[in-house]
Protein backbone atom coordinates (compact mmCIF):
# COMPACT_ATOMS: atom_id res chain seq x y z
CA MET A 1 0.19 0.09 0.07
CA THR A 2 1.12 3.22 -0.60
CA THR A 3 -0.15 6.44 1.35
CA SER A 4 0.42 9.62 0.34
CA PRO A 5 1.41 12.93 2.70
CA THR A 6 -2.06 14.73 4.01
CA PHE A 7 -2.17 17.77 2.27
CA ALA A 8 -3.56 20.52 4.90
CA ARG A 9 -6.24 22.61 3.90
CA THR A 10 -8.18 25.93 5.36
CA PRO A 11 -11.63 25.19 5.11
CA ALA A 12 -12.22 27.20 1.76
CA ASP A 13 -14.36 30.67 1.42
CA ARG A 14 -16.47 28.84 -1.81
CA SER A 15 -19.19 27.78 -2.79
CA THR A 16 -21.00 24.60 -2.37
CA PRO A 17 -22.64 22.56 -5.93
CA LEU A 18 -25.44 21.58 -3.21
CA ARG A 19 -27.29 24.24 -3.14
CA ARG A 20 -30.54 22.64 -3.11
CA ILE A 21 -31.45 19.30 -1.56
CA ALA A 22 -34.62 17.17 -1.82
CA VAL A 23 -35.04 14.35 0.48
CA GLY A 24 -38.01 11.42 -0.05
CA VAL A 25 -39.25 10.42 3.06
CA ASP A 26 -42.67 8.36 4.20
CA GLY A 27 -43.63 7.09 7.25
CA HIS A 28 -41.37 4.27 7.67
CA PRO A 29 -38.12 4.58 9.83
CA GLU A 30 -36.03 4.61 6.51
CA GLY A 31 -37.12 8.15 5.69
CA ARG A 32 -36.32 9.03 8.86
CA ASP A 33 -33.33 7.99 7.89
CA ALA A 34 -33.00 10.34 4.86
CA ALA A 35 -34.23 13.16 6.53
CA ALA A 36 -31.79 12.93 9.04
CA LEU A 37 -28.95 12.63 6.13
CA GLY A 38 -31.04 15.63 4.24
CA GLY A 39 -30.83 17.65 7.75
CA ALA A 40 -26.92 17.09 8.12
CA LEU A 41 -26.15 17.99 4.53
CA ALA A 42 -28.42 20.84 4.16
CA ARG A 43 -26.61 22.21 8.12
CA ILE A 44 -23.35 21.72 6.48
CA THR A 45 -23.49 23.45 3.36
CA GLY A 46 -26.25 25.99 3.61
CA ALA A 47 -28.96 24.06 1.05
CA GLU A 48 -32.25 24.77 0.52
CA LEU A 49 -33.78 21.41 2.20
CA ILE A 50 -37.64 20.01 0.15
CA LEU A 51 -38.88 17.16 2.63
CA ALA A 52 -41.11 15.30 -0.10
CA VAL A 53 -43.75 12.55 0.54
CA VAL A 54 -45.51 10.25 -2.16
CA GLU A 55 -49.23 9.87 -1.89
CA ILE A 56 -49.61 6.59 -3.90
CA GLN A 57 -52.74 7.21 -6.36
CA SER A 58 -55.00 3.87 -6.54
CA ILE A 59 -55.67 2.54 -9.95
CA ILE A 60 -58.93 1.65 -9.01
CA SER A 61 -61.76 3.73 -7.90
CA LEU A 62 -61.66 4.39 -3.90
CA PRO A 63 -64.50 2.30 -2.78
CA TYR A 64 -67.58 4.62 -1.73
CA GLY A 65 -67.53 6.87 1.20
CA THR A 66 -63.32 7.12 1.33
CA ASP A 67 -62.05 10.58 2.84
CA SER A 68 -59.88 11.59 0.76
CA LYS A 69 -59.06 14.92 2.50
CA ALA A 70 -58.60 12.62 5.95
CA PHE A 71 -55.87 10.71 4.20
CA ARG A 72 -54.29 13.89 2.80
CA LYS A 73 -54.64 15.68 6.38
CA SER A 74 -53.03 12.37 7.98
CA THR A 75 -50.33 13.10 5.99
CA GLU A 76 -49.62 16.17 6.08
CA ARG A 77 -49.56 15.85 10.08
CA ALA A 78 -46.87 13.22 10.07
CA LEU A 79 -44.48 15.48 7.51
CA LYS A 80 -45.10 18.33 9.88
CA GLY A 81 -43.86 15.82 12.76
CA LEU A 82 -40.75 15.13 10.54
CA ARG A 83 -39.78 18.46 10.07
CA ALA A 84 -40.10 19.82 13.34
CA THR A 85 -37.68 16.70 14.70
CA LEU A 86 -35.13 16.54 12.05
CA ALA A 87 -35.03 19.58 9.40
CA PRO A 88 -36.99 22.56 10.86
CA LYS A 89 -35.58 24.59 7.81
CA ALA A 90 -37.27 22.44 5.01
CA ARG A 91 -39.80 23.20 2.87
CA THR A 92 -41.75 20.32 2.53
CA VAL A 93 -44.33 18.85 -0.68
CA ILE A 94 -46.63 16.40 -1.35
CA GLU A 95 -46.54 14.80 -4.57
CA SER A 96 -49.10 11.91 -5.75
CA ASP A 97 -48.96 9.12 -8.45
CA VAL A 98 -48.80 5.31 -8.97
CA SER A 99 -45.08 5.56 -9.07
CA VAL A 100 -43.24 6.88 -6.14
CA PRO A 101 -39.72 6.97 -8.35
CA ARG A 102 -41.21 8.74 -10.88
CA ALA A 103 -42.98 11.13 -8.55
CA LEU A 104 -39.51 12.21 -6.67
CA HIS A 105 -37.80 12.62 -10.00
CA ARG A 106 -40.59 15.31 -11.03
CA VAL A 107 -39.98 17.00 -7.58
CA VAL A 108 -36.33 17.02 -8.29
CA THR A 109 -36.73 18.19 -11.77
CA ARG A 110 -39.14 20.41 -11.06
CA GLU A 111 -37.84 22.14 -8.23
CA ARG A 112 -34.26 21.95 -9.88
CA ARG A 113 -32.56 19.88 -6.88
CA ASP A 114 -28.57 19.53 -6.54
CA LEU A 115 -29.09 15.74 -4.48
CA LEU A 116 -31.64 13.37 -3.77
CA VAL A 117 -31.93 11.69 -0.35
CA VAL A 118 -33.39 8.69 -0.05
CA GLY A 119 -33.34 6.01 2.64
CA SER A 120 -32.39 2.17 2.69
CA SER A 121 -34.40 -1.10 2.26
CA ARG A 122 -36.32 -2.32 5.43
CA GLN A 123 -34.24 -5.15 4.81
CA ALA A 124 -30.48 -3.60 5.53
CA PRO A 125 -28.61 -4.59 8.49
CA GLU A 126 -28.81 -1.94 10.63
CA GLY A 127 -26.16 0.98 10.14
CA HIS A 128 -26.08 -0.85 6.59
CA VAL A 129 -27.09 1.15 3.28
CA ARG A 130 -29.22 -1.21 1.27
CA ILE A 131 -31.05 0.35 -2.43
CA GLY A 132 -34.80 -1.39 -2.38
CA LYS A 133 -36.20 -2.02 -5.60
CA ARG A 134 -37.94 1.35 -6.02
CA THR A 135 -34.76 3.35 -5.58
CA ARG A 136 -32.94 0.84 -8.38
CA GLN A 137 -36.09 2.21 -10.67
CA LEU A 138 -34.36 6.03 -10.24
CA LEU A 139 -30.88 4.83 -10.89
CA GLY A 140 -29.92 5.41 -14.44
CA HIS A 141 -32.77 8.30 -15.31
CA PHE A 142 -31.89 10.41 -12.69
CA GLU A 143 -29.32 13.88 -13.66
CA CYS A 144 -28.07 14.74 -10.33
CA PRO A 145 -26.16 12.52 -7.49
CA LEU A 146 -28.19 10.30 -5.62
CA ALA A 147 -27.54 9.79 -1.75
CA VAL A 148 -29.13 6.79 -0.15
CA ALA A 149 -28.82 6.84 4.12
CA PRO A 150 -27.98 4.23 6.24
CA ARG A 151 -30.43 1.84 8.08
CA GLY A 152 -31.27 3.38 11.47
CA ILE A 153 -28.82 6.79 11.23
CA HIS A 154 -31.99 9.05 12.62
CA THR A 155 -31.17 7.59 15.95
CA ARG A 156 -27.67 8.79 16.23
CA ALA A 157 -28.33 12.89 15.45
CA PRO A 158 -27.28 15.04 15.47
CA LEU A 159 -25.19 13.63 12.35
CA THR A 160 -22.07 15.43 11.86
CA ILE A 161 -19.55 14.50 8.93
CA GLY A 162 -16.08 14.69 10.20
CA SER A 163 -14.28 12.32 6.90
CA VAL A 164 -15.65 12.30 3.50
CA GLY A 165 -14.44 9.05 1.74
CA VAL A 166 -14.14 8.72 -2.49
CA GLY A 167 -13.03 6.04 -4.78
CA PHE A 168 -10.65 7.34 -7.27
CA ASP A 169 -9.18 5.45 -10.41
CA GLY A 170 -8.00 8.80 -12.52
CA GLY A 171 -10.50 9.01 -14.76
CA PRO A 172 -13.25 11.45 -15.31
CA GLU A 173 -16.13 9.71 -13.34
CA SER A 174 -13.70 9.56 -10.58
CA LEU A 175 -12.79 13.00 -10.68
CA GLN A 176 -16.00 13.93 -10.85
CA ALA A 177 -16.80 11.84 -7.48
CA VAL A 178 -14.00 13.61 -6.20
CA ALA A 179 -14.74 17.33 -6.77
CA PHE A 180 -18.52 16.60 -5.10
CA ALA A 181 -16.73 14.72 -2.12
CA ASP A 182 -14.32 17.66 -1.97
CA SER A 183 -16.90 20.09 -1.74
CA ILE A 184 -18.62 18.20 0.91
CA ALA A 185 -15.60 18.10 3.06
CA SER A 186 -14.45 21.64 2.49
CA ALA A 187 -17.90 22.78 3.94
CA ALA A 188 -18.20 20.26 6.79
CA GLY A 189 -13.77 21.53 7.94
CA ALA A 190 -13.84 17.36 7.39
CA GLU A 191 -11.21 15.20 6.30
CA LEU A 192 -10.92 13.79 3.01
CA ARG A 193 -9.82 10.68 1.76
CA LEU A 194 -9.40 9.57 -1.22
CA ARG A 195 -8.90 6.17 -1.81
CA ALA A 196 -6.99 3.80 -4.96
CA VAL A 197 -7.31 0.26 -5.58
CA VAL A 198 -5.49 -1.52 -8.55
CA ASP A 199 -7.22 -4.72 -9.51
CA ASP A 200 -4.30 -7.06 -8.47
CA ARG A 201 -6.46 -10.54 -10.12
CA VAL A 202 -4.57 -12.10 -12.64
CA PRO A 203 -7.37 -12.08 -15.83
CA VAL A 204 -7.60 -15.93 -16.87
CA LEU A 205 -6.76 -15.13 -20.02
CA MET A 206 -3.91 -13.53 -19.54
CA ARG A 207 -2.51 -16.22 -17.30
CA SER A 208 -3.22 -19.09 -19.81
CA ALA A 209 -1.68 -16.88 -22.50
CA LEU A 210 2.03 -15.54 -20.25
CA GLN A 211 2.28 -18.52 -18.74
CA GLY A 212 5.31 -18.66 -16.70
CA LEU A 213 5.81 -15.23 -17.86
CA THR A 214 3.09 -14.12 -16.75
CA ASN A 215 3.78 -13.24 -12.66
CA ILE A 216 6.58 -10.77 -13.75
CA THR A 217 4.63 -9.19 -16.68
CA TRP A 218 1.65 -9.28 -14.24
CA THR A 219 3.66 -7.49 -11.29
CA ASN A 220 5.74 -4.81 -13.45
CA LEU A 221 2.00 -3.83 -14.67
CA LEU A 222 0.28 -3.61 -11.05
CA GLU A 223 3.42 -1.54 -10.19
CA GLU A 224 3.16 0.98 -13.03
CA GLN A 225 -0.57 1.24 -12.11
CA GLU A 226 0.36 2.03 -8.96
CA GLN A 227 2.46 4.89 -9.43
CA SER A 228 0.11 6.23 -12.23
CA LEU A 229 -2.52 6.15 -9.74
CA ALA A 230 -0.12 7.85 -6.75
CA GLN A 231 0.88 10.79 -9.47
CA ASP A 232 -2.70 11.74 -10.18
CA GLY A 233 -4.03 11.00 -7.32
CA ASP A 234 -1.36 13.71 -5.27
CA ALA A 235 -2.76 16.43 -8.14
CA ALA A 236 -6.28 16.07 -7.27
CA ALA A 237 -5.23 16.30 -3.65
CA ARG A 238 -3.39 19.24 -4.49
CA SER A 239 -5.97 21.11 -6.41
CA SER A 240 -8.51 20.35 -3.58
CA ALA A 241 -9.96 22.42 -0.80
CA ALA A 242 -10.30 20.39 2.03
CA SER A 243 -7.52 18.13 4.00
CA THR A 244 -7.03 15.69 1.31
CA SER A 245 -5.22 12.16 1.69
CA ILE A 246 -5.05 9.39 -0.62
CA ASP A 247 -3.65 5.62 0.11
CA VAL A 248 -3.54 3.42 -3.10
CA ARG A 249 -3.45 0.08 -2.33
CA ARG A 250 -3.66 -4.04 -4.00
CA GLY A 251 -6.71 -5.84 -4.16
CA ARG A 252 -10.85 -6.04 -5.55
CA PRO A 253 -11.94 -2.73 -5.27
CA ALA A 254 -15.08 -3.35 -3.83
CA ASP A 255 -13.61 -4.48 -1.27
CA ALA A 256 -11.25 -2.02 -0.08
CA LEU A 257 -14.12 0.57 -0.41
CA LEU A 258 -16.14 -1.45 1.36
CA GLU A 259 -13.37 -1.42 3.96
CA LEU A 260 -13.37 2.69 3.19
CA SER A 261 -17.40 2.89 4.47
CA HIS A 262 -16.14 1.24 7.79
CA GLU A 263 -13.95 4.23 8.69
CA VAL A 264 -15.90 7.36 7.11
CA ASP A 265 -19.05 8.73 7.67
CA LEU A 266 -19.89 9.58 3.99
CA ILE A 267 -17.80 7.92 1.01
CA VAL A 268 -18.50 9.11 -2.93
CA VAL A 269 -18.73 7.26 -5.73
CA GLY A 270 -18.95 7.66 -9.30
CA SER A 271 -20.61 6.44 -12.20
CA ARG A 272 -19.42 3.47 -14.51
CA ARG A 273 -17.36 4.68 -17.54
CA TRP A 274 -19.87 3.29 -20.29
CA GLY A 275 -23.51 4.57 -20.56
CA ALA A 276 -25.67 7.81 -21.07
CA THR A 277 -23.82 11.05 -19.96
CA ALA A 278 -25.25 12.81 -16.84
CA ARG A 279 -26.87 9.90 -15.50
CA VAL A 280 -26.16 7.97 -12.28
CA LEU A 281 -24.64 4.33 -13.65
CA LEU A 282 -23.76 2.25 -11.27
CA GLY A 283 -20.70 0.01 -12.08
CA SER A 284 -19.73 -3.27 -9.67
CA THR A 285 -18.03 -1.10 -7.19
CA GLY A 286 -20.84 1.57 -7.23
CA GLU A 287 -22.94 -1.93 -6.72
CA ALA A 288 -21.34 -3.25 -3.62
CA LEU A 289 -21.65 -0.56 -2.19
CA MET A 290 -25.30 0.47 -2.57
CA HIS A 291 -25.06 -2.87 -0.70
CA ASP A 292 -23.56 -3.00 2.03
CA ALA A 293 -21.62 -0.10 2.52
CA GLU A 294 -21.64 1.02 6.77
CA CYS A 295 -21.92 4.97 6.13
CA ALA A 296 -23.40 7.04 4.22
CA VAL A 297 -22.94 6.56 -0.15
CA VAL A 298 -23.63 8.98 -2.33
CA ALA A 299 -23.30 7.92 -6.50
CA VAL A 300 -22.62 11.14 -8.80
CA PRO A 301 -23.40 11.14 -12.46
CA ARG A 302 -21.16 10.28 -15.13
CA PRO A 303 -20.09 14.04 -16.21
CA ALA A 304 -21.46 15.63 -19.61
CA ASP A 305 -20.04 15.12 -22.45
CA GLU A 306 -17.60 18.38 -23.57
CA PRO A 307 -19.65 20.85 -26.20
CA SER A 308 -17.61 20.49 -29.43
CA THR A 309 -16.42 23.09 -30.79
């Protein structure tokens, strides 16, 4: 493992890209987790916060005598109580649709939100992130970062962010993730920790093709990748506003970032390298984090294509 020196910074006087945050909430504890995380990020960044609840529309007629106004009043009371407890300065909105993901996407688009925060699946272990079916439906269609709160995090309020981790591989997607993570860390006065991982598993085709030369060739290649990542990481660290360190290690990237999620308060991951631009698209490492991380996870969209000149 190669670890760079820490590049210390004074908290920067610069604006964060988070100016407007939406939180998807419901009547379950996992919705309170999302509100707790969204409220903490809003306090850190000064962002405007919206708590959004989705009323599920029935695709069939309601029974005669059903009081829809009573349902709405009950929803409003619950939303008001959640706001008072976890996000006193938040605006609230109630959206109706047969699809929760579609309604949340509409809120984010209409309100021009820079981040959507949701809770984990109710099947997630306590303290872990695990996305459910509705969150998965959002992925691939989202144009802004998506944060998932660990299950049970609202019981630890008030939340603080003392360290932010980010997966780094030197590509445009990871640089996008570093920029987002840096903005949060610098606003919070938190430590930014970049983790770069060289996958040292020898591909089967290379192993069979090179036979006896594989060990020498593969070892040299790994060393070159480590040096390149360390140089790219140092450059990213020097340009960050937060106090930043980078460590380069070998292994399975998903395992290394899951380990990091146990050590930080928030971890940021970039989208995979292929697919539509300006969308949140999980690769294998992002999938692993969204299913077992031990801290809040933010997935950022792929960078938009540069306009041609």
